[in-house]
Amino acid sequence: FDAVGGLQAADPGVLLGAADARVLAAAAADPEELAAAMAAYRRLAADRDAAGPVRWWTAQLRMLQILDRTNRNTSAIGPRIERLRLDDPTFGDPRLRAAFESLAARHAAPPSP
């Protein structure tokens, strides 16, 4: 992906692929690689029309997965998923829905007493 622009690419498909490659390469939670991927996902998430629906939803999911993986700002994961669910209960693509649902289950607010 770096040969075609990597994380600086203007093409949303290349940007998503480069960010996903960084996350996969950062199996040991390399903070620099994950930060670079998070920045790319934020770029995709900032312009839904340019990214296209599946890439936009994938970027939303990946940002939440990075927060989960790094155990950062995890209290925001459940509420963010619920806001996204209000936008589209299918989370944009049936293949992504299961991943969102799994993440939501792990970060659901405990029931009130």
N, C-alpha and C. Protein backbone atom coordinates (compact mmCIF):
# COMPACT_ATOMS: atom_id res chain seq x y z
N PHE A 1 0.81 -1.20 0.00
CA PHE A 1 0.00 0.00 0.00
C PHE A 1 0.85 1.26 0.00
N ASP A 2 2.02 1.19 0.58
CA ASP A 2 2.87 2.37 0.60
C ASP A 2 3.26 2.81 -0.81
N ALA A 3 3.38 1.85 -1.72
CA ALA A 3 3.77 2.17 -3.09
C ALA A 3 2.71 3.00 -3.81
N VAL A 4 1.46 2.94 -3.37
CA VAL A 4 0.39 3.71 -4.01
C VAL A 4 -0.14 4.82 -3.12
N GLY A 5 0.67 5.27 -2.18
CA GLY A 5 0.30 6.41 -1.35
C GLY A 5 0.08 6.10 0.11
N GLY A 6 -0.19 4.84 0.42
CA GLY A 6 -0.34 4.43 1.81
C GLY A 6 -1.32 5.28 2.59
N LEU A 7 -0.89 5.69 3.76
CA LEU A 7 -1.76 6.45 4.65
C LEU A 7 -1.95 7.89 4.21
N GLN A 8 -1.27 8.30 3.15
CA GLN A 8 -1.46 9.65 2.61
C GLN A 8 -2.31 9.62 1.34
N ALA A 9 -2.78 8.46 0.95
CA ALA A 9 -3.53 8.29 -0.30
C ALA A 9 -4.83 9.09 -0.27
N ALA A 10 -5.18 9.59 -1.43
CA ALA A 10 -6.46 10.28 -1.57
C ALA A 10 -7.58 9.28 -1.86
N ASP A 11 -7.25 8.16 -2.46
CA ASP A 11 -8.25 7.15 -2.80
C ASP A 11 -8.71 6.44 -1.53
N PRO A 12 -10.01 6.47 -1.23
CA PRO A 12 -10.49 5.84 0.00
C PRO A 12 -10.19 4.35 0.11
N GLY A 13 -10.21 3.63 -1.01
CA GLY A 13 -9.90 2.20 -0.97
C GLY A 13 -8.47 1.94 -0.58
N VAL A 14 -7.55 2.72 -1.12
CA VAL A 14 -6.13 2.57 -0.78
C VAL A 14 -5.91 2.97 0.67
N LEU A 15 -6.56 4.05 1.10
CA LEU A 15 -6.41 4.52 2.48
C LEU A 15 -6.90 3.46 3.46
N LEU A 16 -8.06 2.88 3.19
CA LEU A 16 -8.59 1.83 4.07
C LEU A 16 -7.66 0.62 4.09
N GLY A 17 -7.19 0.20 2.94
CA GLY A 17 -6.28 -0.94 2.88
C GLY A 17 -4.99 -0.69 3.62
N ALA A 18 -4.45 0.52 3.47
CA ALA A 18 -3.20 0.86 4.17
C ALA A 18 -3.41 0.88 5.68
N ALA A 19 -4.53 1.43 6.12
CA ALA A 19 -4.81 1.47 7.56
C ALA A 19 -5.02 0.06 8.10
N ASP A 20 -5.78 -0.77 7.38
CA ASP A 20 -5.98 -2.15 7.82
C ASP A 20 -4.66 -2.91 7.90
N ALA A 21 -3.79 -2.67 6.93
CA ALA A 21 -2.47 -3.32 6.95
C ALA A 21 -1.68 -2.90 8.18
N ARG A 22 -1.77 -1.63 8.55
CA ARG A 22 -1.06 -1.16 9.75
C ARG A 22 -1.59 -1.85 11.00
N VAL A 23 -2.90 -1.97 11.10
CA VAL A 23 -3.49 -2.61 12.28
C VAL A 23 -3.08 -4.08 12.35
N LEU A 24 -3.13 -4.76 11.22
CA LEU A 24 -2.74 -6.17 11.21
C LEU A 24 -1.26 -6.34 11.52
N ALA A 25 -0.44 -5.41 11.07
CA ALA A 25 1.00 -5.48 11.33
C ALA A 25 1.31 -5.16 12.79
N ALA A 26 0.40 -4.45 13.43
CA ALA A 26 0.63 -4.03 14.81
C ALA A 26 0.02 -5.03 15.78
N ALA A 27 0.22 -6.29 15.52
CA ALA A 27 -0.35 -7.34 16.36
C ALA A 27 0.04 -7.19 17.83
N ALA A 28 1.20 -6.63 18.07
CA ALA A 28 1.65 -6.44 19.45
C ALA A 28 1.22 -5.07 19.98
N ALA A 29 0.23 -4.44 19.31
CA ALA A 29 -0.30 -3.13 19.72
C ALA A 29 0.76 -2.05 19.70
N ASP A 30 1.56 -2.03 18.64
CA ASP A 30 2.56 -0.98 18.45
C ASP A 30 1.85 0.37 18.42
N PRO A 31 2.08 1.21 19.41
CA PRO A 31 1.34 2.47 19.50
C PRO A 31 1.49 3.37 18.27
N GLU A 32 2.66 3.42 17.68
CA GLU A 32 2.85 4.28 16.51
C GLU A 32 2.07 3.78 15.30
N GLU A 33 2.07 2.48 15.07
CA GLU A 33 1.33 1.91 13.95
C GLU A 33 -0.17 2.09 14.15
N LEU A 34 -0.64 1.85 15.37
CA LEU A 34 -2.06 2.00 15.64
C LEU A 34 -2.49 3.47 15.55
N ALA A 35 -1.64 4.38 15.99
CA ALA A 35 -1.96 5.81 15.88
C ALA A 35 -2.05 6.23 14.42
N ALA A 36 -1.15 5.73 13.59
CA ALA A 36 -1.19 6.05 12.16
C ALA A 36 -2.45 5.49 11.53
N ALA A 37 -2.81 4.28 11.89
CA ALA A 37 -4.04 3.68 11.36
C ALA A 37 -5.26 4.45 11.84
N MET A 38 -5.29 4.83 13.11
CA MET A 38 -6.42 5.59 13.64
C MET A 38 -6.59 6.91 12.89
N ALA A 39 -5.50 7.57 12.58
CA ALA A 39 -5.57 8.83 11.83
C ALA A 39 -6.16 8.59 10.44
N ALA A 40 -5.78 7.50 9.81
CA ALA A 40 -6.33 7.18 8.48
C ALA A 40 -7.82 6.88 8.58
N TYR A 41 -8.22 6.12 9.59
CA TYR A 41 -9.64 5.83 9.76
C TYR A 41 -10.43 7.10 10.03
N ARG A 42 -9.86 8.00 10.78
CA ARG A 42 -10.54 9.29 11.04
C ARG A 42 -10.73 10.07 9.75
N ARG A 43 -9.72 10.04 8.87
CA ARG A 43 -9.86 10.71 7.58
C ARG A 43 -11.02 10.12 6.79
N LEU A 44 -11.12 8.80 6.77
CA LEU A 44 -12.22 8.15 6.06
C LEU A 44 -13.57 8.49 6.70
N ALA A 45 -13.61 8.49 8.01
CA ALA A 45 -14.86 8.75 8.72
C ALA A 45 -15.30 10.21 8.59
N ALA A 46 -14.39 11.09 8.28
CA ALA A 46 -14.71 12.51 8.19
C ALA A 46 -15.52 12.85 6.95
N ASP A 47 -15.44 12.03 5.92
CA ASP A 47 -16.15 12.33 4.67
C ASP A 47 -16.86 11.07 4.18
N ARG A 48 -18.04 10.88 4.67
CA ARG A 48 -18.82 9.68 4.37
C ARG A 48 -19.07 9.52 2.87
N ASP A 49 -19.39 10.62 2.20
CA ASP A 49 -19.67 10.53 0.77
C ASP A 49 -18.44 10.10 -0.03
N ALA A 50 -17.30 10.67 0.28
CA ALA A 50 -16.08 10.34 -0.45
C ALA A 50 -15.62 8.91 -0.14
N ALA A 51 -15.77 8.50 1.11
CA ALA A 51 -15.32 7.16 1.52
C ALA A 51 -16.21 6.08 0.91
N GLY A 52 -17.47 6.37 0.81
CA GLY A 52 -18.43 5.35 0.39
C GLY A 52 -18.94 4.62 1.62
N PRO A 53 -20.15 4.08 1.55
CA PRO A 53 -20.76 3.53 2.76
C PRO A 53 -20.00 2.39 3.42
N VAL A 54 -19.55 1.40 2.69
CA VAL A 54 -18.88 0.27 3.33
C VAL A 54 -17.56 0.70 3.94
N ARG A 55 -16.79 1.52 3.24
CA ARG A 55 -15.51 1.99 3.81
C ARG A 55 -15.76 2.88 5.02
N TRP A 56 -16.81 3.71 4.97
CA TRP A 56 -17.12 4.59 6.10
C TRP A 56 -17.46 3.74 7.33
N TRP A 57 -18.33 2.75 7.15
CA TRP A 57 -18.70 1.88 8.27
C TRP A 57 -17.50 1.07 8.76
N THR A 58 -16.67 0.61 7.85
CA THR A 58 -15.48 -0.14 8.24
C THR A 58 -14.56 0.75 9.07
N ALA A 59 -14.39 1.99 8.67
CA ALA A 59 -13.56 2.93 9.43
C ALA A 59 -14.13 3.13 10.83
N GLN A 60 -15.45 3.26 10.93
CA GLN A 60 -16.08 3.40 12.25
C GLN A 60 -15.76 2.20 13.13
N LEU A 61 -15.91 1.02 12.55
CA LEU A 61 -15.63 -0.21 13.30
C LEU A 61 -14.17 -0.29 13.72
N ARG A 62 -13.27 -0.04 12.80
CA ARG A 62 -11.84 -0.16 13.10
C ARG A 62 -11.41 0.82 14.20
N MET A 63 -11.94 2.03 14.18
CA MET A 63 -11.59 2.98 15.25
C MET A 63 -12.01 2.44 16.61
N LEU A 64 -13.20 1.88 16.67
CA LEU A 64 -13.66 1.31 17.93
C LEU A 64 -12.85 0.08 18.33
N GLN A 65 -12.46 -0.72 17.36
CA GLN A 65 -11.62 -1.89 17.65
C GLN A 65 -10.25 -1.48 18.17
N ILE A 66 -9.71 -0.40 17.65
CA ILE A 66 -8.41 0.08 18.17
C ILE A 66 -8.57 0.54 19.61
N LEU A 67 -9.63 1.26 19.91
CA LEU A 67 -9.87 1.68 21.31
C LEU A 67 -9.98 0.46 22.21
N ASP A 68 -10.70 -0.55 21.74
CA ASP A 68 -10.85 -1.78 22.51
C ASP A 68 -9.51 -2.48 22.69
N ARG A 69 -8.76 -2.61 21.62
CA ARG A 69 -7.47 -3.31 21.66
C ARG A 69 -6.48 -2.64 22.59
N THR A 70 -6.50 -1.31 22.60
CA THR A 70 -5.54 -0.57 23.41
C THR A 70 -6.08 -0.22 24.80
N ASN A 71 -7.34 -0.63 25.04
CA ASN A 71 -7.98 -0.36 26.32
C ASN A 71 -8.01 1.14 26.64
N ARG A 72 -8.30 1.94 25.61
CA ARG A 72 -8.37 3.40 25.76
C ARG A 72 -9.78 3.87 25.49
N ASN A 73 -10.25 4.76 26.32
CA ASN A 73 -11.56 5.38 26.15
C ASN A 73 -12.65 4.32 25.90
N THR A 74 -12.53 3.20 26.58
CA THR A 74 -13.48 2.11 26.35
C THR A 74 -14.89 2.46 26.81
N SER A 75 -15.04 3.41 27.72
CA SER A 75 -16.38 3.80 28.16
C SER A 75 -17.17 4.46 27.04
N ALA A 76 -16.50 4.91 26.00
CA ALA A 76 -17.18 5.56 24.87
C ALA A 76 -17.61 4.56 23.80
N ILE A 77 -17.12 3.32 23.87
CA ILE A 77 -17.39 2.36 22.80
C ILE A 77 -18.86 1.99 22.72
N GLY A 78 -19.45 1.57 23.82
CA GLY A 78 -20.86 1.18 23.82
C GLY A 78 -21.78 2.30 23.36
N PRO A 79 -21.67 3.50 23.96
CA PRO A 79 -22.53 4.60 23.50
C PRO A 79 -22.31 4.97 22.03
N ARG A 80 -21.08 4.89 21.55
CA ARG A 80 -20.83 5.21 20.14
C ARG A 80 -21.51 4.18 19.23
N ILE A 81 -21.45 2.92 19.59
CA ILE A 81 -22.11 1.89 18.79
C ILE A 81 -23.62 2.12 18.78
N GLU A 82 -24.17 2.51 19.90
CA GLU A 82 -25.62 2.76 19.95
C GLU A 82 -26.00 3.95 19.06
N ARG A 83 -25.17 4.99 19.02
CA ARG A 83 -25.44 6.13 18.12
C ARG A 83 -25.35 5.70 16.67
N LEU A 84 -24.36 4.87 16.36
CA LEU A 84 -24.23 4.36 14.99
C LEU A 84 -25.43 3.47 14.63
N ARG A 85 -25.92 2.70 15.58
CA ARG A 85 -27.08 1.82 15.34
C ARG A 85 -28.31 2.66 15.00
N LEU A 86 -28.44 3.84 15.61
CA LEU A 86 -29.56 4.71 15.29
C LEU A 86 -29.50 5.19 13.84
N ASP A 87 -28.31 5.37 13.33
CA ASP A 87 -28.12 5.79 11.94
C ASP A 87 -28.51 4.66 10.98
N ASP A 88 -28.11 3.43 11.31
CA ASP A 88 -28.40 2.27 10.47
C ASP A 88 -28.28 1.01 11.32
N PRO A 89 -29.41 0.37 11.64
CA PRO A 89 -29.37 -0.82 12.48
C PRO A 89 -28.55 -1.98 11.90
N THR A 90 -28.28 -1.96 10.60
CA THR A 90 -27.48 -3.02 10.00
C THR A 90 -26.00 -2.67 9.98
N PHE A 91 -25.65 -1.48 10.45
CA PHE A 91 -24.27 -1.01 10.46
C PHE A 91 -23.66 -1.00 9.06
N GLY A 92 -24.51 -0.68 8.08
CA GLY A 92 -24.02 -0.47 6.73
C GLY A 92 -23.78 -1.71 5.90
N ASP A 93 -23.55 -2.83 6.53
CA ASP A 93 -23.23 -4.05 5.77
C ASP A 93 -23.40 -5.23 6.72
N PRO A 94 -24.12 -6.26 6.30
CA PRO A 94 -24.33 -7.41 7.18
C PRO A 94 -23.03 -8.05 7.68
N ARG A 95 -21.97 -7.96 6.86
CA ARG A 95 -20.69 -8.56 7.29
C ARG A 95 -20.08 -7.79 8.44
N LEU A 96 -20.39 -6.50 8.55
CA LEU A 96 -19.84 -5.70 9.64
C LEU A 96 -20.69 -5.78 10.90
N ARG A 97 -21.97 -6.08 10.72
CA ARG A 97 -22.89 -6.07 11.85
C ARG A 97 -22.44 -6.98 12.99
N ALA A 98 -22.00 -8.19 12.67
CA ALA A 98 -21.57 -9.13 13.71
C ALA A 98 -20.41 -8.58 14.52
N ALA A 99 -19.48 -7.91 13.86
CA ALA A 99 -18.33 -7.34 14.58
C ALA A 99 -18.78 -6.20 15.49
N PHE A 100 -19.70 -5.35 15.00
CA PHE A 100 -20.23 -4.28 15.85
C PHE A 100 -20.97 -4.86 17.04
N GLU A 101 -21.80 -5.88 16.79
CA GLU A 101 -22.59 -6.49 17.86
C GLU A 101 -21.69 -7.13 18.92
N SER A 102 -20.63 -7.79 18.49
CA SER A 102 -19.70 -8.41 19.43
C SER A 102 -19.02 -7.36 20.30
N LEU A 103 -18.59 -6.29 19.67
CA LEU A 103 -17.95 -5.19 20.39
C LEU A 103 -18.94 -4.54 21.35
N ALA A 104 -20.18 -4.35 20.90
CA ALA A 104 -21.22 -3.74 21.75
C ALA A 104 -21.48 -4.60 22.98
N ALA A 105 -21.51 -5.90 22.80
CA ALA A 105 -21.75 -6.81 23.92
C ALA A 105 -20.64 -6.71 24.97
N ARG A 106 -19.40 -6.58 24.51
CA ARG A 106 -18.28 -6.46 25.44
C ARG A 106 -18.28 -5.13 26.20
N HIS A 107 -18.90 -4.11 25.60
CA HIS A 107 -18.84 -2.79 26.21
C HIS A 107 -20.22 -2.24 26.57
N ALA A 108 -21.17 -3.14 26.77
CA ALA A 108 -22.51 -2.72 27.18
C ALA A 108 -22.47 -2.18 28.60
N ALA A 109 -23.26 -1.16 28.83
CA ALA A 109 -23.36 -0.60 30.19
C ALA A 109 -24.04 -1.62 31.09
N PRO A 110 -23.53 -1.79 32.30
CA PRO A 110 -24.19 -2.73 33.22
C PRO A 110 -25.60 -2.24 33.54
N PRO A 111 -26.52 -3.16 33.78
CA PRO A 111 -27.89 -2.74 34.10
C PRO A 111 -27.93 -1.93 35.39
N SER A 112 -28.85 -0.98 35.41
CA SER A 112 -29.02 -0.15 36.61
C SER A 112 -29.69 -0.96 37.70
N PRO A 113 -29.29 -0.72 38.96
CA PRO A 113 -29.90 -1.50 40.07
C PRO A 113 -31.33 -1.10 40.32
